[in-house]
Amino acid sequence: TGYAVVEKIEGPTLAEYLTKREDPVESARALALLRPVMNGVETLHSANLIHRGISPENIILESGGTARLSGFATLALRQQGSELKAKLYPGYSAPEQYAASEFEGRYTAVFALGAVRSRLLTGLTPDSAGERRAQDELRPARTVNKEVPTFLSTGIARAMRLAPNERIQTVPDLRLALSGEGPKES
């Protein structure tokens, strides 16, 4: 039997917050919202843990405006005959999460974090990995919202590449790419 003890976090999900907005979130606000989430994911990775369920549905906005990640998706519990089933989030789950045989690394979280940032800045949920595998028409964030700086749009696109080996690999590298200080398009 597996048990998990989690802190109860009060507040709406990021998904609920976004459905009430008519406009995309400004770049500075998106950065502030996701900073603690990215820090949390980086901490998980430093402990050799991978969340596997990052999406606006699992990001809670506390009363002070701080975003916190919830819903830890422990793969081992979901594969050992447990009643817990894998939960994939179309538009946020990386392609490798759809096949149990494919390895999921830190780059899986990078994909999801890029997708969440895209949703904040464009107001649109990204196409699912399955749709993109059939025909990849990921629209750059800057194409949808001209207020998004080019470096930020490029960083998001690099985080959301379908092939894991072509994607940004770690949260620190993602942070650099989204700040405009990381390596340029390769």
N, C-alpha and C. Protein backbone atom coordinates (compact mmCIF):
# COMPACT_ATOMS: atom_id res chain seq x y z
N THR A 1 0.84 -1.18 0.00
CA THR A 1 0.00 0.00 0.00
C THR A 1 0.88 1.23 0.00
N GLY A 2 0.55 2.16 -0.83
CA GLY A 2 1.28 3.42 -0.87
C GLY A 2 0.44 4.53 -0.27
N TYR A 3 1.09 5.40 0.50
CA TYR A 3 0.41 6.53 1.11
C TYR A 3 1.16 7.80 0.76
N ALA A 4 0.44 8.88 0.71
CA ALA A 4 1.06 10.18 0.51
C ALA A 4 0.39 11.17 1.45
N VAL A 5 1.20 12.00 2.07
CA VAL A 5 0.69 13.06 2.92
C VAL A 5 0.97 14.36 2.19
N VAL A 6 -0.09 15.13 1.96
CA VAL A 6 0.09 16.38 1.23
C VAL A 6 -0.54 17.53 2.01
N GLU A 7 0.05 18.67 1.85
CA GLU A 7 -0.48 19.87 2.48
C GLU A 7 -1.72 20.31 1.70
N LYS A 8 -2.76 20.69 2.41
CA LYS A 8 -3.96 21.18 1.76
C LYS A 8 -3.73 22.64 1.37
N ILE A 9 -3.89 22.92 0.10
CA ILE A 9 -3.67 24.26 -0.42
C ILE A 9 -5.03 24.83 -0.81
N GLU A 10 -5.36 25.98 -0.27
CA GLU A 10 -6.64 26.63 -0.54
C GLU A 10 -6.49 27.63 -1.68
N GLY A 11 -7.45 27.65 -2.56
CA GLY A 11 -7.47 28.63 -3.63
C GLY A 11 -7.91 28.01 -4.94
N PRO A 12 -8.19 28.85 -5.92
CA PRO A 12 -8.60 28.33 -7.23
C PRO A 12 -7.40 27.75 -7.97
N THR A 13 -7.69 26.87 -8.91
CA THR A 13 -6.62 26.37 -9.78
C THR A 13 -6.29 27.44 -10.81
N LEU A 14 -5.13 27.31 -11.40
CA LEU A 14 -4.76 28.22 -12.49
C LEU A 14 -5.75 28.07 -13.64
N ALA A 15 -6.24 26.86 -13.87
CA ALA A 15 -7.24 26.64 -14.93
C ALA A 15 -8.50 27.46 -14.66
N GLU A 16 -8.96 27.48 -13.42
CA GLU A 16 -10.15 28.26 -13.07
C GLU A 16 -9.88 29.76 -13.25
N TYR A 17 -8.73 30.20 -12.81
CA TYR A 17 -8.33 31.61 -12.97
C TYR A 17 -8.32 32.01 -14.44
N LEU A 18 -7.76 31.15 -15.28
CA LEU A 18 -7.63 31.48 -16.70
C LEU A 18 -8.97 31.47 -17.43
N THR A 19 -9.91 30.63 -17.01
CA THR A 19 -11.22 30.61 -17.68
C THR A 19 -12.01 31.87 -17.41
N LYS A 20 -11.68 32.59 -16.33
CA LYS A 20 -12.38 33.83 -15.99
C LYS A 20 -11.76 35.05 -16.67
N ARG A 21 -10.62 34.87 -17.31
CA ARG A 21 -9.92 35.99 -17.97
C ARG A 21 -10.28 36.03 -19.45
N GLU A 22 -10.43 37.23 -19.97
CA GLU A 22 -10.65 37.38 -21.40
C GLU A 22 -9.35 37.56 -22.14
N ASP A 23 -8.35 38.14 -21.48
CA ASP A 23 -7.08 38.45 -22.12
C ASP A 23 -5.98 37.53 -21.61
N PRO A 24 -4.93 37.36 -22.41
CA PRO A 24 -3.76 36.61 -21.93
C PRO A 24 -3.13 37.34 -20.74
N VAL A 25 -2.32 36.61 -20.00
CA VAL A 25 -1.61 37.16 -18.85
C VAL A 25 -0.36 37.88 -19.37
N GLU A 26 -0.06 39.04 -18.79
CA GLU A 26 1.12 39.80 -19.20
C GLU A 26 2.38 39.00 -18.86
N SER A 27 3.46 39.21 -19.63
CA SER A 27 4.71 38.45 -19.46
C SER A 27 5.24 38.51 -18.05
N ALA A 28 5.27 39.70 -17.43
CA ALA A 28 5.82 39.84 -16.08
C ALA A 28 4.97 39.07 -15.07
N ARG A 29 3.66 39.12 -15.21
CA ARG A 29 2.76 38.40 -14.29
C ARG A 29 2.92 36.89 -14.49
N ALA A 30 3.04 36.44 -15.74
CA ALA A 30 3.24 35.01 -16.02
C ALA A 30 4.53 34.52 -15.38
N LEU A 31 5.57 35.32 -15.47
CA LEU A 31 6.85 34.96 -14.85
C LEU A 31 6.69 34.85 -13.34
N ALA A 32 6.04 35.83 -12.72
CA ALA A 32 5.84 35.82 -11.27
C ALA A 32 4.99 34.62 -10.84
N LEU A 33 3.95 34.29 -11.61
CA LEU A 33 3.10 33.16 -11.27
C LEU A 33 3.86 31.85 -11.31
N LEU A 34 4.67 31.64 -12.35
CA LEU A 34 5.32 30.35 -12.53
C LEU A 34 6.66 30.21 -11.82
N ARG A 35 7.22 31.29 -11.32
CA ARG A 35 8.53 31.20 -10.64
C ARG A 35 8.50 30.18 -9.49
N PRO A 36 7.54 30.24 -8.55
CA PRO A 36 7.55 29.25 -7.47
C PRO A 36 7.28 27.83 -7.96
N VAL A 37 6.51 27.69 -9.01
CA VAL A 37 6.24 26.37 -9.57
C VAL A 37 7.53 25.80 -10.17
N MET A 38 8.24 26.62 -10.93
CA MET A 38 9.50 26.17 -11.52
C MET A 38 10.51 25.84 -10.43
N ASN A 39 10.55 26.64 -9.37
CA ASN A 39 11.45 26.35 -8.26
C ASN A 39 11.11 25.01 -7.62
N GLY A 40 9.82 24.75 -7.45
CA GLY A 40 9.38 23.48 -6.88
C GLY A 40 9.75 22.30 -7.74
N VAL A 41 9.56 22.44 -9.05
CA VAL A 41 9.91 21.36 -9.98
C VAL A 41 11.42 21.12 -9.95
N GLU A 42 12.18 22.19 -9.91
CA GLU A 42 13.63 22.06 -9.84
C GLU A 42 14.05 21.32 -8.56
N THR A 43 13.39 21.60 -7.46
CA THR A 43 13.67 20.91 -6.20
C THR A 43 13.33 19.42 -6.31
N LEU A 44 12.20 19.11 -6.91
CA LEU A 44 11.84 17.70 -7.14
C LEU A 44 12.93 17.01 -7.96
N HIS A 45 13.35 17.65 -9.04
CA HIS A 45 14.36 17.05 -9.91
C HIS A 45 15.67 16.83 -9.17
N SER A 46 16.05 17.74 -8.28
CA SER A 46 17.30 17.58 -7.53
C SER A 46 17.21 16.38 -6.58
N ALA A 47 15.99 15.94 -6.26
CA ALA A 47 15.78 14.75 -5.43
C ALA A 47 15.48 13.53 -6.31
N ASN A 48 15.72 13.64 -7.62
CA ASN A 48 15.47 12.56 -8.59
C ASN A 48 14.01 12.15 -8.66
N LEU A 49 13.10 13.12 -8.52
CA LEU A 49 11.67 12.90 -8.64
C LEU A 49 11.15 13.69 -9.84
N ILE A 50 10.15 13.13 -10.49
CA ILE A 50 9.53 13.80 -11.64
C ILE A 50 8.04 13.86 -11.38
N HIS A 51 7.43 15.03 -11.54
CA HIS A 51 6.02 15.24 -11.20
C HIS A 51 5.08 14.47 -12.13
N ARG A 52 5.23 14.58 -13.43
CA ARG A 52 4.45 13.88 -14.46
C ARG A 52 2.99 14.32 -14.57
N GLY A 53 2.65 15.49 -14.05
CA GLY A 53 1.25 15.93 -14.17
C GLY A 53 1.11 17.43 -14.11
N ILE A 54 2.09 18.17 -14.60
CA ILE A 54 2.04 19.63 -14.53
C ILE A 54 1.05 20.16 -15.56
N SER A 55 0.08 20.91 -15.08
CA SER A 55 -0.91 21.54 -15.94
C SER A 55 -1.59 22.63 -15.12
N PRO A 56 -2.36 23.51 -15.76
CA PRO A 56 -3.10 24.52 -14.99
C PRO A 56 -4.06 23.92 -13.96
N GLU A 57 -4.48 22.67 -14.17
CA GLU A 57 -5.37 22.01 -13.22
C GLU A 57 -4.66 21.66 -11.91
N ASN A 58 -3.33 21.54 -11.94
CA ASN A 58 -2.55 21.16 -10.76
C ASN A 58 -1.74 22.30 -10.18
N ILE A 59 -2.03 23.51 -10.60
CA ILE A 59 -1.38 24.68 -10.04
C ILE A 59 -2.45 25.46 -9.29
N ILE A 60 -2.24 25.62 -7.99
CA ILE A 60 -3.20 26.29 -7.12
C ILE A 60 -2.72 27.70 -6.83
N LEU A 61 -3.63 28.66 -6.91
CA LEU A 61 -3.31 30.05 -6.59
C LEU A 61 -3.77 30.34 -5.18
N GLU A 62 -2.81 30.53 -4.28
CA GLU A 62 -3.14 30.82 -2.89
C GLU A 62 -3.68 32.24 -2.78
N SER A 63 -4.27 32.56 -1.65
CA SER A 63 -4.90 33.87 -1.47
C SER A 63 -3.93 35.04 -1.67
N GLY A 64 -2.66 34.86 -1.37
CA GLY A 64 -1.67 35.91 -1.56
C GLY A 64 -1.19 36.03 -2.99
N GLY A 65 -1.71 35.18 -3.88
CA GLY A 65 -1.32 35.24 -5.28
C GLY A 65 -0.17 34.33 -5.65
N THR A 66 0.33 33.56 -4.69
CA THR A 66 1.42 32.63 -4.95
C THR A 66 0.88 31.36 -5.59
N ALA A 67 1.54 30.89 -6.63
CA ALA A 67 1.14 29.65 -7.30
C ALA A 67 1.91 28.49 -6.69
N ARG A 68 1.21 27.38 -6.43
CA ARG A 68 1.83 26.18 -5.87
C ARG A 68 1.40 24.98 -6.68
N LEU A 69 2.35 24.09 -6.92
CA LEU A 69 2.08 22.88 -7.68
C LEU A 69 1.52 21.80 -6.75
N SER A 70 0.49 21.12 -7.20
CA SER A 70 -0.10 20.02 -6.43
C SER A 70 -0.21 18.80 -7.32
N GLY A 71 -0.83 17.75 -6.83
CA GLY A 71 -1.13 16.59 -7.67
C GLY A 71 0.07 15.79 -8.10
N PHE A 72 0.93 15.38 -7.19
CA PHE A 72 2.11 14.61 -7.53
C PHE A 72 1.69 13.30 -8.17
N ALA A 73 2.14 13.01 -9.36
CA ALA A 73 1.73 11.84 -10.13
C ALA A 73 2.81 10.75 -10.04
N THR A 74 2.74 9.91 -9.04
CA THR A 74 3.77 8.90 -8.82
C THR A 74 3.53 7.71 -9.74
N LEU A 75 4.36 7.57 -10.75
CA LEU A 75 4.20 6.54 -11.77
C LEU A 75 4.20 5.13 -11.19
N ALA A 76 5.09 4.84 -10.27
CA ALA A 76 5.19 3.48 -9.72
C ALA A 76 3.86 3.05 -9.09
N LEU A 77 3.19 3.94 -8.38
CA LEU A 77 1.91 3.61 -7.77
C LEU A 77 0.86 3.32 -8.83
N ARG A 78 0.97 3.99 -9.96
CA ARG A 78 -0.03 3.85 -11.01
C ARG A 78 0.19 2.59 -11.85
N GLN A 79 1.31 1.92 -11.70
CA GLN A 79 1.60 0.77 -12.54
C GLN A 79 1.59 -0.56 -11.80
N GLN A 80 1.38 -0.58 -10.51
CA GLN A 80 1.47 -1.81 -9.74
C GLN A 80 0.10 -2.34 -9.34
N GLY A 81 -0.83 -2.36 -10.27
CA GLY A 81 -2.15 -2.90 -10.00
C GLY A 81 -3.00 -2.00 -9.13
N SER A 82 -2.58 -0.78 -8.95
CA SER A 82 -3.31 0.17 -8.12
C SER A 82 -4.55 0.66 -8.86
N GLU A 83 -5.50 1.16 -8.10
CA GLU A 83 -6.67 1.78 -8.72
C GLU A 83 -6.35 3.17 -9.24
N LEU A 84 -5.18 3.68 -8.86
CA LEU A 84 -4.78 4.99 -9.39
C LEU A 84 -4.45 4.85 -10.86
N LYS A 85 -5.01 5.67 -11.67
CA LYS A 85 -4.77 5.62 -13.11
C LYS A 85 -4.01 6.86 -13.55
N ALA A 86 -3.23 6.71 -14.59
CA ALA A 86 -2.47 7.84 -15.12
C ALA A 86 -3.44 8.91 -15.61
N LYS A 87 -3.11 10.14 -15.35
CA LYS A 87 -3.92 11.27 -15.80
C LYS A 87 -3.05 12.08 -16.74
N LEU A 88 -3.45 12.13 -17.98
CA LEU A 88 -2.74 12.93 -18.97
C LEU A 88 -3.53 14.20 -19.20
N TYR A 89 -2.82 15.26 -19.46
CA TYR A 89 -3.43 16.57 -19.65
C TYR A 89 -3.17 17.03 -21.08
N PRO A 90 -4.15 16.86 -21.98
CA PRO A 90 -3.94 17.24 -23.38
C PRO A 90 -3.47 18.69 -23.51
N GLY A 91 -2.40 18.85 -24.25
CA GLY A 91 -1.80 20.16 -24.45
C GLY A 91 -0.63 20.39 -23.50
N TYR A 92 -0.61 19.67 -22.38
CA TYR A 92 0.43 19.85 -21.36
C TYR A 92 1.28 18.60 -21.16
N SER A 93 0.75 17.43 -21.48
CA SER A 93 1.51 16.19 -21.34
C SER A 93 2.40 16.01 -22.56
N ALA A 94 3.67 15.71 -22.31
CA ALA A 94 4.64 15.51 -23.39
C ALA A 94 4.33 14.22 -24.14
N PRO A 95 4.75 14.12 -25.39
CA PRO A 95 4.44 12.93 -26.19
C PRO A 95 4.89 11.62 -25.54
N GLU A 96 6.04 11.64 -24.89
CA GLU A 96 6.56 10.41 -24.29
C GLU A 96 5.70 9.91 -23.14
N GLN A 97 4.82 10.73 -22.59
CA GLN A 97 3.96 10.31 -21.50
C GLN A 97 2.81 9.43 -21.99
N TYR A 98 2.55 9.41 -23.28
CA TYR A 98 1.45 8.64 -23.83
C TYR A 98 1.82 7.18 -24.07
N ALA A 99 3.10 6.84 -23.99
CA ALA A 99 3.54 5.47 -24.21
C ALA A 99 4.33 5.02 -22.98
N ALA A 100 3.86 3.96 -22.32
CA ALA A 100 4.52 3.49 -21.09
C ALA A 100 5.95 3.03 -21.36
N SER A 101 6.24 2.65 -22.59
CA SER A 101 7.57 2.13 -22.89
C SER A 101 8.62 3.23 -23.07
N GLU A 102 8.18 4.45 -23.25
CA GLU A 102 9.13 5.54 -23.47
C GLU A 102 9.54 6.15 -22.14
N PHE A 103 10.83 6.44 -21.98
CA PHE A 103 11.36 7.01 -20.76
C PHE A 103 10.87 8.44 -20.59
N GLU A 104 10.57 8.79 -19.37
CA GLU A 104 10.19 10.17 -19.05
C GLU A 104 11.29 10.77 -18.18
N GLY A 105 11.91 11.80 -18.66
CA GLY A 105 12.96 12.45 -17.91
C GLY A 105 12.53 13.84 -17.47
N ARG A 106 13.50 14.60 -17.02
CA ARG A 106 13.23 15.97 -16.58
C ARG A 106 12.64 16.80 -17.71
N TYR A 107 12.99 16.44 -18.92
CA TYR A 107 12.49 17.18 -20.09
C TYR A 107 10.98 17.07 -20.25
N THR A 108 10.36 16.06 -19.60
CA THR A 108 8.90 15.94 -19.62
C THR A 108 8.27 17.12 -18.87
N ALA A 109 8.86 17.48 -17.75
CA ALA A 109 8.37 18.62 -16.98
C ALA A 109 8.65 19.92 -17.73
N VAL A 110 9.76 19.99 -18.43
CA VAL A 110 10.08 21.19 -19.22
C VAL A 110 9.00 21.41 -20.27
N PHE A 111 8.57 20.34 -20.93
CA PHE A 111 7.49 20.44 -21.92
C PHE A 111 6.24 21.04 -21.27
N ALA A 112 5.86 20.49 -20.13
CA ALA A 112 4.64 20.95 -19.45
C ALA A 112 4.76 22.40 -19.00
N LEU A 113 5.91 22.77 -18.45
CA LEU A 113 6.10 24.15 -18.01
C LEU A 113 6.06 25.12 -19.19
N GLY A 114 6.62 24.71 -20.32
CA GLY A 114 6.54 25.53 -21.54
C GLY A 114 5.10 25.68 -22.01
N ALA A 115 4.34 24.59 -21.92
CA ALA A 115 2.94 24.61 -22.34
C ALA A 115 2.10 25.51 -21.43
N VAL A 116 2.36 25.44 -20.12
CA VAL A 116 1.63 26.31 -19.19
C VAL A 116 1.97 27.77 -19.48
N ARG A 117 3.25 28.06 -19.69
CA ARG A 117 3.65 29.44 -20.01
C ARG A 117 2.98 29.89 -21.31
N SER A 118 2.91 29.02 -22.30
CA SER A 118 2.24 29.35 -23.56
C SER A 118 0.77 29.69 -23.31
N ARG A 119 0.10 28.86 -22.50
CA ARG A 119 -1.32 29.11 -22.18
C ARG A 119 -1.52 30.46 -21.51
N LEU A 120 -0.62 30.80 -20.57
CA LEU A 120 -0.72 32.09 -19.89
C LEU A 120 -0.59 33.25 -20.87
N LEU A 121 0.38 33.16 -21.76
CA LEU A 121 0.72 34.29 -22.63
C LEU A 121 -0.18 34.41 -23.87
N THR A 122 -0.79 33.30 -24.29
CA THR A 122 -1.61 33.35 -25.50
C THR A 122 -3.10 33.27 -25.23
N GLY A 123 -3.46 32.73 -24.06
CA GLY A 123 -4.87 32.51 -23.78
C GLY A 123 -5.41 31.25 -24.41
N LEU A 124 -4.56 30.47 -25.08
CA LEU A 124 -4.99 29.26 -25.79
C LEU A 124 -4.31 28.02 -25.21
N THR A 125 -5.09 26.95 -25.05
CA THR A 125 -4.50 25.68 -24.66
C THR A 125 -3.75 25.11 -25.85
N PRO A 126 -2.50 24.71 -25.68
CA PRO A 126 -1.76 24.14 -26.82
C PRO A 126 -2.43 22.86 -27.33
N ASP A 127 -2.22 22.56 -28.60
CA ASP A 127 -2.72 21.29 -29.16
C ASP A 127 -2.07 20.14 -28.40
N SER A 128 -2.79 19.03 -28.31
CA SER A 128 -2.25 17.86 -27.61
C SER A 128 -1.08 17.28 -28.39
N ALA A 129 -0.25 16.52 -27.69
CA ALA A 129 0.91 15.89 -28.32
C ALA A 129 0.46 14.97 -29.45
N GLY A 130 -0.66 14.27 -29.26
CA GLY A 130 -1.16 13.38 -30.32
C GLY A 130 -1.52 14.15 -31.58
N GLU A 131 -2.21 15.27 -31.43
CA GLU A 131 -2.55 16.11 -32.59
C GLU A 131 -1.28 16.64 -33.24
N ARG A 132 -0.33 17.05 -32.43
CA ARG A 132 0.92 17.60 -32.96
C ARG A 132 1.76 16.53 -33.63
N ARG A 133 1.70 15.29 -33.15
CA ARG A 133 2.45 14.21 -33.82
C ARG A 133 1.90 13.96 -35.21
N ALA A 134 0.59 14.08 -35.36
CA ALA A 134 -0.03 13.89 -36.68
C ALA A 134 0.32 15.04 -37.61
N GLN A 135 0.26 16.25 -37.10
CA GLN A 135 0.59 17.44 -37.89
C GLN A 135 0.96 18.55 -36.91
N ASP A 136 2.26 18.80 -36.82
CA ASP A 136 2.74 19.78 -35.83
C ASP A 136 2.54 21.19 -36.36
N GLU A 137 1.55 21.84 -35.77
CA GLU A 137 1.25 23.22 -36.13
C GLU A 137 1.27 24.10 -34.89
N LEU A 138 2.29 23.90 -34.04
CA LEU A 138 2.42 24.72 -32.85
C LEU A 138 2.64 26.16 -33.28
N ARG A 139 1.71 27.01 -32.91
CA ARG A 139 1.83 28.44 -33.25
C ARG A 139 2.72 29.11 -32.23
N PRO A 140 3.77 29.79 -32.67
CA PRO A 140 4.62 30.50 -31.71
C PRO A 140 3.78 31.50 -30.90
N ALA A 141 4.11 31.62 -29.62
CA ALA A 141 3.36 32.51 -28.73
C ALA A 141 3.31 33.93 -29.30
N ARG A 142 4.39 34.37 -29.91
CA ARG A 142 4.44 35.73 -30.46
C ARG A 142 3.48 35.90 -31.64
N THR A 143 3.20 34.84 -32.36
CA THR A 143 2.25 34.90 -33.47
C THR A 143 0.84 35.16 -32.94
N VAL A 144 0.53 34.58 -31.79
CA VAL A 144 -0.80 34.72 -31.19
C VAL A 144 -0.92 36.03 -30.42
N ASN A 145 0.16 36.41 -29.73
CA ASN A 145 0.15 37.62 -28.90
C ASN A 145 1.41 38.43 -29.20
N LYS A 146 1.26 39.50 -29.94
CA LYS A 146 2.41 40.33 -30.37
C LYS A 146 3.16 40.95 -29.20
N GLU A 147 2.57 40.96 -28.00
CA GLU A 147 3.23 41.52 -26.82
C GLU A 147 4.31 40.58 -26.27
N VAL A 148 4.29 39.32 -26.69
CA VAL A 148 5.27 38.34 -26.20
C VAL A 148 6.61 38.60 -26.89
N PRO A 149 7.68 38.83 -26.11
CA PRO A 149 9.00 39.05 -26.72
C PRO A 149 9.45 37.82 -27.53
N THR A 150 10.21 38.06 -28.58
CA THR A 150 10.67 36.99 -29.45
C THR A 150 11.45 35.92 -28.69
N PHE A 151 12.36 36.33 -27.80
CA PHE A 151 13.16 35.34 -27.05
C PHE A 151 12.27 34.44 -26.21
N LEU A 152 11.21 34.99 -25.66
CA LEU A 152 10.30 34.21 -24.83
C LEU A 152 9.50 33.22 -25.69
N SER A 153 9.03 33.67 -26.82
CA SER A 153 8.31 32.81 -27.75
C SER A 153 9.21 31.67 -28.22
N THR A 154 10.46 31.98 -28.53
CA THR A 154 11.42 30.97 -28.98
C THR A 154 11.71 29.97 -27.87
N GLY A 155 11.88 30.46 -26.63
CA GLY A 155 12.13 29.57 -25.50
C GLY A 155 10.99 28.61 -25.26
N ILE A 156 9.76 29.09 -25.36
CA ILE A 156 8.58 28.24 -25.19
C ILE A 156 8.55 27.17 -26.28
N ALA A 157 8.80 27.57 -27.52
CA ALA A 157 8.81 26.62 -28.64
C ALA A 157 9.88 25.54 -28.44
N ARG A 158 11.05 25.93 -27.95
CA ARG A 158 12.12 24.95 -27.69
C ARG A 158 11.74 24.00 -26.55
N ALA A 159 11.01 24.50 -25.56
CA ALA A 159 10.57 23.66 -24.45
C ALA A 159 9.52 22.66 -24.89
N MET A 160 8.77 23.00 -25.94
CA MET A 160 7.65 22.17 -26.38
C MET A 160 7.93 21.35 -27.63
N ARG A 161 9.18 21.17 -27.97
CA ARG A 161 9.50 20.32 -29.11
C ARG A 161 9.04 18.90 -28.83
N LEU A 162 8.56 18.23 -29.86
CA LEU A 162 8.03 16.88 -29.68
C LEU A 162 9.10 15.86 -29.35
N ALA A 163 10.25 15.95 -29.99
CA ALA A 163 11.34 15.00 -29.74
C ALA A 163 12.08 15.40 -28.46
N PRO A 164 12.10 14.54 -27.45
CA PRO A 164 12.75 14.89 -26.18
C PRO A 164 14.20 15.33 -26.33
N ASN A 165 14.93 14.71 -27.25
CA ASN A 165 16.35 15.06 -27.41
C ASN A 165 16.55 16.42 -28.07
N GLU A 166 15.50 17.01 -28.63
CA GLU A 166 15.58 18.34 -29.23
C GLU A 166 15.05 19.42 -28.29
N ARG A 167 14.49 19.00 -27.19
CA ARG A 167 13.84 19.89 -26.24
C ARG A 167 14.86 20.42 -25.23
N ILE A 168 14.57 21.56 -24.63
CA ILE A 168 15.34 22.01 -23.47
C ILE A 168 15.24 20.89 -22.44
N GLN A 169 16.35 20.59 -21.78
CA GLN A 169 16.39 19.40 -20.93
C GLN A 169 16.11 19.61 -19.45
N THR A 170 16.41 20.78 -18.92
CA THR A 170 16.28 20.99 -17.48
C THR A 170 15.57 22.30 -17.17
N VAL A 171 15.06 22.41 -15.96
CA VAL A 171 14.39 23.64 -15.53
C VAL A 171 15.37 24.82 -15.50
N PRO A 172 16.60 24.65 -15.00
CA PRO A 172 17.53 25.79 -15.05
C PRO A 172 17.78 26.28 -16.49
N ASP A 173 17.89 25.35 -17.44
CA ASP A 173 18.06 25.75 -18.84
C ASP A 173 16.81 26.43 -19.39
N LEU A 174 15.64 25.96 -18.96
CA LEU A 174 14.39 26.59 -19.36
C LEU A 174 14.32 28.01 -18.81
N ARG A 175 14.69 28.16 -17.56
CA ARG A 175 14.69 29.49 -16.93
C ARG A 175 15.57 30.46 -17.74
N LEU A 176 16.75 29.99 -18.14
CA LEU A 176 17.64 30.82 -18.95
C LEU A 176 17.02 31.17 -20.30
N ALA A 177 16.44 30.18 -20.95
CA ALA A 177 15.83 30.41 -22.28
C ALA A 177 14.67 31.41 -22.19
N LEU A 178 13.90 31.32 -21.11
CA LEU A 178 12.74 32.21 -20.97
C LEU A 178 13.14 33.60 -20.48
N SER A 179 14.40 33.74 -20.06
CA SER A 179 14.89 35.06 -19.64
C SER A 179 15.60 35.75 -20.79
N GLY A 180 15.86 35.03 -21.87
CA GLY A 180 16.60 35.60 -23.00
C GLY A 180 18.11 35.48 -22.82
N GLU A 181 18.54 34.84 -21.75
CA GLU A 181 19.98 34.73 -21.47
C GLU A 181 20.57 33.38 -21.87
N GLY A 182 19.72 32.42 -22.25
CA GLY A 182 20.21 31.08 -22.59
C GLY A 182 20.70 31.01 -24.02
N PRO A 183 21.13 29.80 -24.42
CA PRO A 183 21.59 29.59 -25.79
C PRO A 183 20.46 29.91 -26.78
N LYS A 184 20.84 30.44 -27.89
CA LYS A 184 19.87 30.80 -28.91
C LYS A 184 19.45 29.55 -29.68
N GLU A 185 18.48 29.69 -30.54
CA GLU A 185 17.93 28.62 -31.35
C GLU A 185 19.06 27.85 -32.02
N SER A 186 18.97 26.51 -31.92
CA SER A 186 19.98 25.68 -32.58
C SER A 186 19.36 24.84 -33.66
